[in-house]
Amino acid sequence: MDQSQEKILEELTKIKERNFRVEADKAWETSWSRKFMIACLTYTVIVIFFFSADFAQPFTNALVPTVGFLLSTITGNLIKKRWIETMYKK
């Protein structure tokens, strides 16, 4: 194999590695594991804030923004899908 072929193979390997990382990042960004983790952290932070601000029923009231976050991730994906279908018709 000559030097130019080796360079092409090296570049191809780099592209494949990059594509794998991009696909893994995208999978993480859209995963329920990530959404669940963010929802748990959101709930915990809000409960702590509500306790420190002496709000009534901090455990129950912290559910509102947490559920709001989850609903926004669900509807956000649906709206994105509809937008892509509308804007990029084939």
PDB file of N, CA and C in Angstrom:
ATOM      1  N   MET A   1       0.850  -1.169   0.000  1.00  0.00           N
ATOM      2  CA  MET A   1       0.000   0.000   0.000  1.00  0.00           C
ATOM      3  C   MET A   1       0.900   1.239   0.000  1.00  0.00           C
ATOM      4  N   ASP A   2       0.565   2.179  -0.873  1.00  0.00           N
ATOM      5  CA  ASP A   2       1.401   3.373  -0.920  1.00  0.00           C
ATOM      6  C   ASP A   2       0.951   4.395   0.123  1.00  0.00           C
ATOM      7  N   GLN A   3       1.709   5.462   0.198  1.00  0.00           N
ATOM      8  CA  GLN A   3       1.502   6.471   1.242  1.00  0.00           C
ATOM      9  C   GLN A   3       0.138   7.156   1.131  1.00  0.00           C
ATOM     10  N   SER A   4      -0.329   7.426  -0.084  1.00  0.00           N
ATOM     11  CA  SER A   4      -1.621   8.095  -0.251  1.00  0.00           C
ATOM     12  C   SER A   4      -2.772   7.185   0.202  1.00  0.00           C
ATOM     13  N   GLN A   5      -2.660   5.902  -0.051  1.00  0.00           N
ATOM     14  CA  GLN A   5      -3.694   4.963   0.397  1.00  0.00           C
ATOM     15  C   GLN A   5      -3.719   4.878   1.925  1.00  0.00           C
ATOM     16  N   GLU A   6      -2.544   4.886   2.523  1.00  0.00           N
ATOM     17  CA  GLU A   6      -2.462   4.860   3.981  1.00  0.00           C
ATOM     18  C   GLU A   6      -3.090   6.117   4.581  1.00  0.00           C
ATOM     19  N   LYS A   7      -2.844   7.255   3.939  1.00  0.00           N
ATOM     20  CA  LYS A   7      -3.414   8.508   4.423  1.00  0.00           C
ATOM     21  C   LYS A   7      -4.939   8.485   4.302  1.00  0.00           C
ATOM     22  N   ILE A   8      -5.441   7.965   3.199  1.00  0.00           N
ATOM     23  CA  ILE A   8      -6.895   7.859   3.009  1.00  0.00           C
ATOM     24  C   ILE A   8      -7.499   6.943   4.066  1.00  0.00           C
ATOM     25  N   LEU A   9      -6.868   5.806   4.336  1.00  0.00           N
ATOM     26  CA  LEU A   9      -7.364   4.884   5.361  1.00  0.00           C
ATOM     27  C   LEU A   9      -7.336   5.525   6.745  1.00  0.00           C
ATOM     28  N   GLU A  10      -6.295   6.279   7.018  1.00  0.00           N
ATOM     29  CA  GLU A  10      -6.193   6.981   8.302  1.00  0.00           C
ATOM     30  C   GLU A  10      -7.318   8.000   8.457  1.00  0.00           C
ATOM     31  N   GLU A  11      -7.564   8.758   7.397  1.00  0.00           N
ATOM     32  CA  GLU A  11      -8.647   9.747   7.419  1.00  0.00           C
ATOM     33  C   GLU A  11     -10.006   9.058   7.570  1.00  0.00           C
ATOM     34  N   LEU A  12     -10.194   7.960   6.879  1.00  0.00           N
ATOM     35  CA  LEU A  12     -11.445   7.202   6.974  1.00  0.00           C
ATOM     36  C   LEU A  12     -11.660   6.677   8.397  1.00  0.00           C
ATOM     37  N   THR A  13     -10.603   6.204   9.008  1.00  0.00           N
ATOM     38  CA  THR A  13     -10.682   5.729  10.391  1.00  0.00           C
ATOM     39  C   THR A  13     -11.064   6.875  11.327  1.00  0.00           C
ATOM     40  N   LYS A  14     -10.462   8.038  11.125  1.00  0.00           N
ATOM     41  CA  LYS A  14     -10.788   9.206  11.950  1.00  0.00           C
ATOM     42  C   LYS A  14     -12.259   9.600  11.782  1.00  0.00           C
ATOM     43  N   ILE A  15     -12.752   9.559  10.552  1.00  0.00           N
ATOM     44  CA  ILE A  15     -14.157   9.906  10.288  1.00  0.00           C
ATOM     45  C   ILE A  15     -15.090   8.911  10.962  1.00  0.00           C
ATOM     46  N   LYS A  16     -14.758   7.632  10.874  1.00  0.00           N
ATOM     47  CA  LYS A  16     -15.593   6.613  11.511  1.00  0.00           C
ATOM     48  C   LYS A  16     -15.601   6.771  13.029  1.00  0.00           C
ATOM     49  N   GLU A  17     -14.460   7.080  13.609  1.00  0.00           N
ATOM     50  CA  GLU A  17     -14.382   7.304  15.054  1.00  0.00           C
ATOM     51  C   GLU A  17     -15.200   8.529  15.456  1.00  0.00           C
ATOM     52  N   ARG A  18     -15.098   9.587  14.675  1.00  0.00           N
ATOM     53  CA  ARG A  18     -15.864  10.792  14.960  1.00  0.00           C
ATOM     54  C   ARG A  18     -17.357  10.513  14.836  1.00  0.00           C
ATOM     55  N   ASN A  19     -17.767   9.806  13.800  1.00  0.00           N
ATOM     56  CA  ASN A  19     -19.179   9.475  13.617  1.00  0.00           C
ATOM     57  C   ASN A  19     -19.711   8.652  14.791  1.00  0.00           C
ATOM     58  N   PHE A  20     -18.908   7.737  15.290  1.00  0.00           N
ATOM     59  CA  PHE A  20     -19.309   6.934  16.439  1.00  0.00           C
ATOM     60  C   PHE A  20     -19.535   7.823  17.658  1.00  0.00           C
ATOM     61  N   ARG A  21     -18.612   8.758  17.901  1.00  0.00           N
ATOM     62  CA  ARG A  21     -18.758   9.679  19.042  1.00  0.00           C
ATOM     63  C   ARG A  21     -19.999  10.554  18.891  1.00  0.00           C
ATOM     64  N   VAL A  22     -20.228  11.058  17.683  1.00  0.00           N
ATOM     65  CA  VAL A  22     -21.391  11.910  17.435  1.00  0.00           C
ATOM     66  C   VAL A  22     -22.684  11.119  17.646  1.00  0.00           C
ATOM     67  N   GLU A  23     -22.737   9.896  17.137  1.00  0.00           N
ATOM     68  CA  GLU A  23     -23.917   9.057  17.304  1.00  0.00           C
ATOM     69  C   GLU A  23     -24.151   8.722  18.777  1.00  0.00           C
ATOM     70  N   ALA A  24     -23.088   8.447  19.515  1.00  0.00           N
ATOM     71  CA  ALA A  24     -23.214   8.151  20.944  1.00  0.00           C
ATOM     72  C   ALA A  24     -23.696   9.382  21.702  1.00  0.00           C
ATOM     73  N   ASP A  25     -23.161  10.553  21.377  1.00  0.00           N
ATOM     74  CA  ASP A  25     -23.609  11.797  22.017  1.00  0.00           C
ATOM     75  C   ASP A  25     -25.082  12.058  21.731  1.00  0.00           C
ATOM     76  N   LYS A  26     -25.500  11.844  20.496  1.00  0.00           N
ATOM     77  CA  LYS A  26     -26.898  12.058  20.121  1.00  0.00           C
ATOM     78  C   LYS A  26     -27.799  11.065  20.862  1.00  0.00           C
ATOM     79  N   ALA A  27     -27.371   9.821  20.962  1.00  0.00           N
ATOM     80  CA  ALA A  27     -28.148   8.813  21.678  1.00  0.00           C
ATOM     81  C   ALA A  27     -28.302   9.210  23.145  1.00  0.00           C
ATOM     82  N   TRP A  28     -27.243   9.719  23.746  1.00  0.00           N
ATOM     83  CA  TRP A  28     -27.305  10.158  25.144  1.00  0.00           C
ATOM     84  C   TRP A  28     -28.252  11.353  25.281  1.00  0.00           C
ATOM     85  N   GLU A  29     -28.144  12.316  24.373  1.00  0.00           N
ATOM     86  CA  GLU A  29     -28.974  13.523  24.443  1.00  0.00           C
ATOM     87  C   GLU A  29     -30.459  13.202  24.371  1.00  0.00           C
ATOM     88  N   THR A  30     -30.831  12.166  23.662  1.00  0.00           N
ATOM     89  CA  THR A  30     -32.242  11.829  23.491  1.00  0.00           C
ATOM     90  C   THR A  30     -32.688  10.669  24.380  1.00  0.00           C
ATOM     91  N   SER A  31     -31.810  10.154  25.214  1.00  0.00           N
ATOM     92  CA  SER A  31     -32.138   8.969  26.016  1.00  0.00           C
ATOM     93  C   SER A  31     -33.018   9.304  27.217  1.00  0.00           C
ATOM     94  N   TRP A  32     -33.813   8.330  27.607  1.00  0.00           N
ATOM     95  CA  TRP A  32     -34.631   8.480  28.815  1.00  0.00           C
ATOM     96  C   TRP A  32     -33.755   8.464  30.058  1.00  0.00           C
ATOM     97  N   SER A  33     -32.606   7.827  29.994  1.00  0.00           N
ATOM     98  CA  SER A  33     -31.681   7.829  31.141  1.00  0.00           C
ATOM     99  C   SER A  33     -31.265   9.255  31.473  1.00  0.00           C
ATOM    100  N   ARG A  34     -30.917  10.017  30.453  1.00  0.00           N
ATOM    101  CA  ARG A  34     -30.511  11.409  30.656  1.00  0.00           C
ATOM    102  C   ARG A  34     -31.683  12.234  31.185  1.00  0.00           C
ATOM    103  N   LYS A  35     -32.847  12.062  30.584  1.00  0.00           N
ATOM    104  CA  LYS A  35     -34.028  12.807  31.019  1.00  0.00           C
ATOM    105  C   LYS A  35     -34.370  12.487  32.474  1.00  0.00           C
ATOM    106  N   PHE A  36     -34.296  11.213  32.831  1.00  0.00           N
ATOM    107  CA  PHE A  36     -34.589  10.797  34.203  1.00  0.00           C
ATOM    108  C   PHE A  36     -33.575  11.392  35.177  1.00  0.00           C
ATOM    109  N   MET A  37     -32.301  11.371  34.798  1.00  0.00           N
ATOM    110  CA  MET A  37     -31.255  11.931  35.650  1.00  0.00           C
ATOM    111  C   MET A  37     -31.478  13.427  35.870  1.00  0.00           C
ATOM    112  N   ILE A  38     -31.777  14.161  34.801  1.00  0.00           N
ATOM    113  CA  ILE A  38     -32.016  15.599  34.921  1.00  0.00           C
ATOM    114  C   ILE A  38     -33.263  15.857  35.754  1.00  0.00           C
ATOM    115  N   ALA A  39     -34.304  15.049  35.565  1.00  0.00           N
ATOM    116  CA  ALA A  39     -35.531  15.218  36.348  1.00  0.00           C
ATOM    117  C   ALA A  39     -35.250  14.997  37.834  1.00  0.00           C
ATOM    118  N   CYS A  40     -34.467  13.979  38.161  1.00  0.00           N
ATOM    119  CA  CYS A  40     -34.118  13.714  39.574  1.00  0.00           C
ATOM    120  C   CYS A  40     -33.314  14.864  40.168  1.00  0.00           C
ATOM    121  N   LEU A  41     -32.339  15.351  39.416  1.00  0.00           N
ATOM    122  CA  LEU A  41     -31.540  16.477  39.896  1.00  0.00           C
ATOM    123  C   LEU A  41     -32.390  17.736  40.043  1.00  0.00           C
ATOM    124  N   THR A  42     -33.271  17.974  39.088  1.00  0.00           N
ATOM    125  CA  THR A  42     -34.172  19.124  39.158  1.00  0.00           C
ATOM    126  C   THR A  42     -35.043  19.032  40.400  1.00  0.00           C
ATOM    127  N   TYR A  43     -35.637  17.879  40.606  1.00  0.00           N
ATOM    128  CA  TYR A  43     -36.513  17.676  41.766  1.00  0.00           C
ATOM    129  C   TYR A  43     -35.750  17.912  43.070  1.00  0.00           C
ATOM    130  N   THR A  44     -34.556  17.346  43.175  1.00  0.00           N
ATOM    131  CA  THR A  44     -33.751  17.477  44.386  1.00  0.00           C
ATOM    132  C   THR A  44     -33.395  18.933  44.671  1.00  0.00           C
ATOM    133  N   VAL A  45     -32.935  19.643  43.655  1.00  0.00           N
ATOM    134  CA  VAL A  45     -32.552  21.047  43.835  1.00  0.00           C
ATOM    135  C   VAL A  45     -33.766  21.882  44.238  1.00  0.00           C
ATOM    136  N   ILE A  46     -34.896  21.634  43.605  1.00  0.00           N
ATOM    137  CA  ILE A  46     -36.089  22.420  43.921  1.00  0.00           C
ATOM    138  C   ILE A  46     -36.591  22.111  45.324  1.00  0.00           C
ATOM    139  N   VAL A  47     -36.543  20.845  45.745  1.00  0.00           N
ATOM    140  CA  VAL A  47     -36.941  20.497  47.109  1.00  0.00           C
ATOM    141  C   VAL A  47     -36.045  21.227  48.118  1.00  0.00           C
ATOM    142  N   ILE A  48     -34.756  21.209  47.877  1.00  0.00           N
ATOM    143  CA  ILE A  48     -33.823  21.911  48.778  1.00  0.00           C
ATOM    144  C   ILE A  48     -34.149  23.404  48.824  1.00  0.00           C
ATOM    145  N   PHE A  49     -34.386  23.993  47.658  1.00  0.00           N
ATOM    146  CA  PHE A  49     -34.743  25.409  47.616  1.00  0.00           C
ATOM    147  C   PHE A  49     -36.045  25.671  48.367  1.00  0.00           C
ATOM    148  N   PHE A  50     -37.049  24.846  48.130  1.00  0.00           N
ATOM    149  CA  PHE A  50     -38.338  25.046  48.797  1.00  0.00           C
ATOM    150  C   PHE A  50     -38.208  24.909  50.310  1.00  0.00           C
ATOM    151  N   PHE A  51     -37.392  23.957  50.759  1.00  0.00           N
ATOM    152  CA  PHE A  51     -37.153  23.836  52.205  1.00  0.00           C
ATOM    153  C   PHE A  51     -36.463  25.093  52.738  1.00  0.00           C
ATOM    154  N   SER A  52     -35.446  25.552  52.028  1.00  0.00           N
ATOM    155  CA  SER A  52     -34.704  26.721  52.516  1.00  0.00           C
ATOM    156  C   SER A  52     -35.561  27.995  52.477  1.00  0.00           C
ATOM    157  N   ALA A  53     -36.511  28.065  51.552  1.00  0.00           N
ATOM    158  CA  ALA A  53     -37.402  29.219  51.462  1.00  0.00           C
ATOM    159  C   ALA A  53     -38.642  29.036  52.329  1.00  0.00           C
ATOM    160  N   ASP A  54     -38.717  27.902  53.012  1.00  0.00           N
ATOM    161  CA  ASP A  54     -39.819  27.587  53.917  1.00  0.00           C
ATOM    162  C   ASP A  54     -41.175  27.578  53.201  1.00  0.00           C
ATOM    163  N   PHE A  55     -41.190  26.993  51.998  1.00  0.00           N
ATOM    164  CA  PHE A  55     -42.435  26.860  51.251  1.00  0.00           C
ATOM    165  C   PHE A  55     -43.221  25.670  51.792  1.00  0.00           C
ATOM    166  N   ALA A  56     -44.528  25.717  51.642  1.00  0.00           N
ATOM    167  CA  ALA A  56     -45.385  24.614  52.077  1.00  0.00           C
ATOM    168  C   ALA A  56     -45.228  23.423  51.140  1.00  0.00           C
ATOM    169  N   GLN A  57     -45.278  22.253  51.664  1.00  0.00           N
ATOM    170  CA  GLN A  57     -45.227  20.982  50.923  1.00  0.00           C
ATOM    171  C   GLN A  57     -44.136  20.950  49.841  1.00  0.00           C
ATOM    172  N   PRO A  58     -42.899  21.061  50.224  1.00  0.00           N
ATOM    173  CA  PRO A  58     -41.828  21.132  49.219  1.00  0.00           C
ATOM    174  C   PRO A  58     -41.728  19.878  48.347  1.00  0.00           C
ATOM    175  N   PHE A  59     -41.994  18.707  48.924  1.00  0.00           N
ATOM    176  CA  PHE A  59     -41.877  17.480  48.132  1.00  0.00           C
ATOM    177  C   PHE A  59     -42.947  17.417  47.047  1.00  0.00           C
ATOM    178  N   THR A  60     -44.148  17.828  47.385  1.00  0.00           N
ATOM    179  CA  THR A  60     -45.238  17.810  46.407  1.00  0.00           C
ATOM    180  C   THR A  60     -45.082  18.935  45.392  1.00  0.00           C
ATOM    181  N   ASN A  61     -44.794  20.131  45.861  1.00  0.00           N
ATOM    182  CA  ASN A  61     -44.696  21.279  44.966  1.00  0.00           C
ATOM    183  C   ASN A  61     -43.503  21.191  44.009  1.00  0.00           C
ATOM    184  N   ALA A  62     -42.482  20.458  44.389  1.00  0.00           N
ATOM    185  CA  ALA A  62     -41.318  20.303  43.509  1.00  0.00           C
ATOM    186  C   ALA A  62     -41.636  19.412  42.308  1.00  0.00           C
ATOM    187  N   LEU A  63     -42.747  18.684  42.383  1.00  0.00           N
ATOM    188  CA  LEU A  63     -43.131  17.843  41.249  1.00  0.00           C
ATOM    189  C   LEU A  63     -43.547  18.682  40.038  1.00  0.00           C
ATOM    190  N   VAL A  64     -44.110  19.856  40.275  1.00  0.00           N
ATOM    191  CA  VAL A  64     -44.628  20.672  39.171  1.00  0.00           C
ATOM    192  C   VAL A  64     -43.525  21.020  38.160  1.00  0.00           C
ATOM    193  N   PRO A  65     -42.413  21.639  38.550  1.00  0.00           N
ATOM    194  CA  PRO A  65     -41.387  21.950  37.550  1.00  0.00           C
ATOM    195  C   PRO A  65     -40.709  20.695  36.987  1.00  0.00           C
ATOM    196  N   THR A  66     -40.642  19.650  37.789  1.00  0.00           N
ATOM    197  CA  THR A  66     -40.019  18.409  37.308  1.00  0.00           C
ATOM    198  C   THR A  66     -40.867  17.780  36.208  1.00  0.00           C
ATOM    199  N   VAL A  67     -42.161  17.695  36.433  1.00  0.00           N
ATOM    200  CA  VAL A  67     -43.067  17.160  35.409  1.00  0.00           C
ATOM    201  C   VAL A  67     -43.068  18.093  34.193  1.00  0.00           C
ATOM    202  N   GLY A  68     -43.000  19.392  34.440  1.00  0.00           N
ATOM    203  CA  GLY A  68     -42.909  20.350  33.332  1.00  0.00           C
ATOM    204  C   GLY A  68     -41.690  20.091  32.462  1.00  0.00           C
ATOM    205  N   PHE A  69     -40.568  19.804  33.098  1.00  0.00           N
ATOM    206  CA  PHE A  69     -39.361  19.480  32.333  1.00  0.00           C
ATOM    207  C   PHE A  69     -39.588  18.240  31.470  1.00  0.00           C
ATOM    208  N   LEU A  70     -40.128  17.184  32.077  1.00  0.00           N
ATOM    209  CA  LEU A  70     -40.345  15.944  31.324  1.00  0.00           C
ATOM    210  C   LEU A  70     -41.317  16.161  30.168  1.00  0.00           C
ATOM    211  N   LEU A  71     -42.376  16.895  30.408  1.00  0.00           N
ATOM    212  CA  LEU A  71     -43.335  17.176  29.331  1.00  0.00           C
ATOM    213  C   LEU A  71     -42.686  17.989  28.212  1.00  0.00           C
ATOM    214  N   SER A  72     -41.818  18.918  28.584  1.00  0.00           N
ATOM    215  CA  SER A  72     -41.154  19.725  27.553  1.00  0.00           C
ATOM    216  C   SER A  72     -40.230  18.876  26.695  1.00  0.00           C
ATOM    217  N   THR A  73     -39.583  17.866  27.285  1.00  0.00           N
ATOM    218  CA  THR A  73     -38.706  17.012  26.485  1.00  0.00           C
ATOM    219  C   THR A  73     -39.513  16.120  25.552  1.00  0.00           C
ATOM    220  N   ILE A  74     -40.674  15.680  26.014  1.00  0.00           N
ATOM    221  CA  ILE A  74     -41.519  14.828  25.173  1.00  0.00           C
ATOM    222  C   ILE A  74     -42.114  15.639  24.027  1.00  0.00           C
ATOM    223  N   THR A  75     -42.735  16.765  24.356  1.00  0.00           N
ATOM    224  CA  THR A  75     -43.359  17.580  23.307  1.00  0.00           C
ATOM    225  C   THR A  75     -42.315  18.248  22.424  1.00  0.00           C
ATOM    226  N   GLY A  76     -41.161  18.562  22.996  1.00  0.00           N
ATOM    227  CA  GLY A  76     -40.093  19.165  22.198  1.00  0.00           C
ATOM    228  C   GLY A  76     -39.672  18.260  21.060  1.00  0.00           C
ATOM    229  N   ASN A  77     -39.553  16.980  21.324  1.00  0.00           N
ATOM    230  CA  ASN A  77     -39.179  16.030  20.267  1.00  0.00           C
ATOM    231  C   ASN A  77     -40.272  15.918  19.213  1.00  0.00           C
ATOM    232  N   LEU A  78     -41.540  15.933  19.643  1.00  0.00           N
ATOM    233  CA  LEU A  78     -42.643  15.861  18.688  1.00  0.00           C
ATOM    234  C   LEU A  78     -42.692  17.110  17.812  1.00  0.00           C
ATOM    235  N   ILE A  79     -42.507  18.267  18.436  1.00  0.00           N
ATOM    236  CA  ILE A  79     -42.511  19.522  17.680  1.00  0.00           C
ATOM    237  C   ILE A  79     -41.323  19.558  16.720  1.00  0.00           C
ATOM    238  N   LYS A  80     -40.162  19.104  17.174  1.00  0.00           N
ATOM    239  CA  LYS A  80     -38.981  19.064  16.308  1.00  0.00           C
ATOM    240  C   LYS A  80     -39.226  18.168  15.105  1.00  0.00           C
ATOM    241  N   LYS A  81     -39.815  17.002  15.347  1.00  0.00           N
ATOM    242  CA  LYS A  81     -40.089  16.063  14.258  1.00  0.00           C
ATOM    243  C   LYS A  81     -41.044  16.690  13.245  1.00  0.00           C
ATOM    244  N   ARG A  82     -42.093  17.334  13.746  1.00  0.00           N
ATOM    245  CA  ARG A  82     -43.069  17.987  12.859  1.00  0.00           C
ATOM    246  C   ARG A  82     -42.406  19.114  12.087  1.00  0.00           C
ATOM    247  N   TRP A  83     -41.552  19.892  12.746  1.00  0.00           N
ATOM    248  CA  TRP A  83     -40.857  20.999  12.101  1.00  0.00           C
ATOM    249  C   TRP A  83     -39.971  20.490  10.980  1.00  0.00           C
ATOM    250  N   ILE A  84     -39.228  19.423  11.251  1.00  0.00           N
ATOM    251  CA  ILE A  84     -38.347  18.851  10.223  1.00  0.00           C
ATOM    252  C   ILE A  84     -39.165  18.345   9.045  1.00  0.00           C
ATOM    253  N   GLU A  85     -40.284  17.672   9.329  1.00  0.00           N
ATOM    254  CA  GLU A  85     -41.137  17.168   8.247  1.00  0.00           C
ATOM    255  C   GLU A  85     -41.691  18.316   7.399  1.00  0.00           C
ATOM    256  N   THR A  86     -42.028  19.422   8.044  1.00  0.00           N
ATOM    257  CA  THR A  86     -42.601  20.570   7.335  1.00  0.00           C
ATOM    258  C   THR A  86     -41.543  21.346   6.574  1.00  0.00           C
ATOM    259  N   MET A  87     -40.416  21.609   7.214  1.00  0.00           N
ATOM    260  CA  MET A  87     -39.396  22.456   6.617  1.00  0.00           C
ATOM    261  C   MET A  87     -38.538  21.724   5.580  1.00  0.00           C
ATOM    262  N   TYR A  88     -38.398  20.425   5.743  1.00  0.00           N
ATOM    263  CA  TYR A  88     -37.517  19.659   4.860  1.00  0.00           C
ATOM    264  C   TYR A  88     -38.297  18.549   4.160  1.00  0.00           C
ATOM    265  N   LYS A  89     -39.372  18.937   3.495  1.00  0.00           N
ATOM    266  CA  LYS A  89     -40.167  17.960   2.750  1.00  0.00           C
ATOM    267  C   LYS A  89     -39.322  17.357   1.641  1.00  0.00           C
ATOM    268  N   LYS A  90     -39.527  16.100   1.448  1.00  0.00           N
ATOM    269  CA  LYS A  90     -38.777  15.411   0.374  1.00  0.00           C
ATOM    270  C   LYS A  90     -39.581  15.415  -0.908  1.00  0.00           C
TER     271      LYS A  90
END
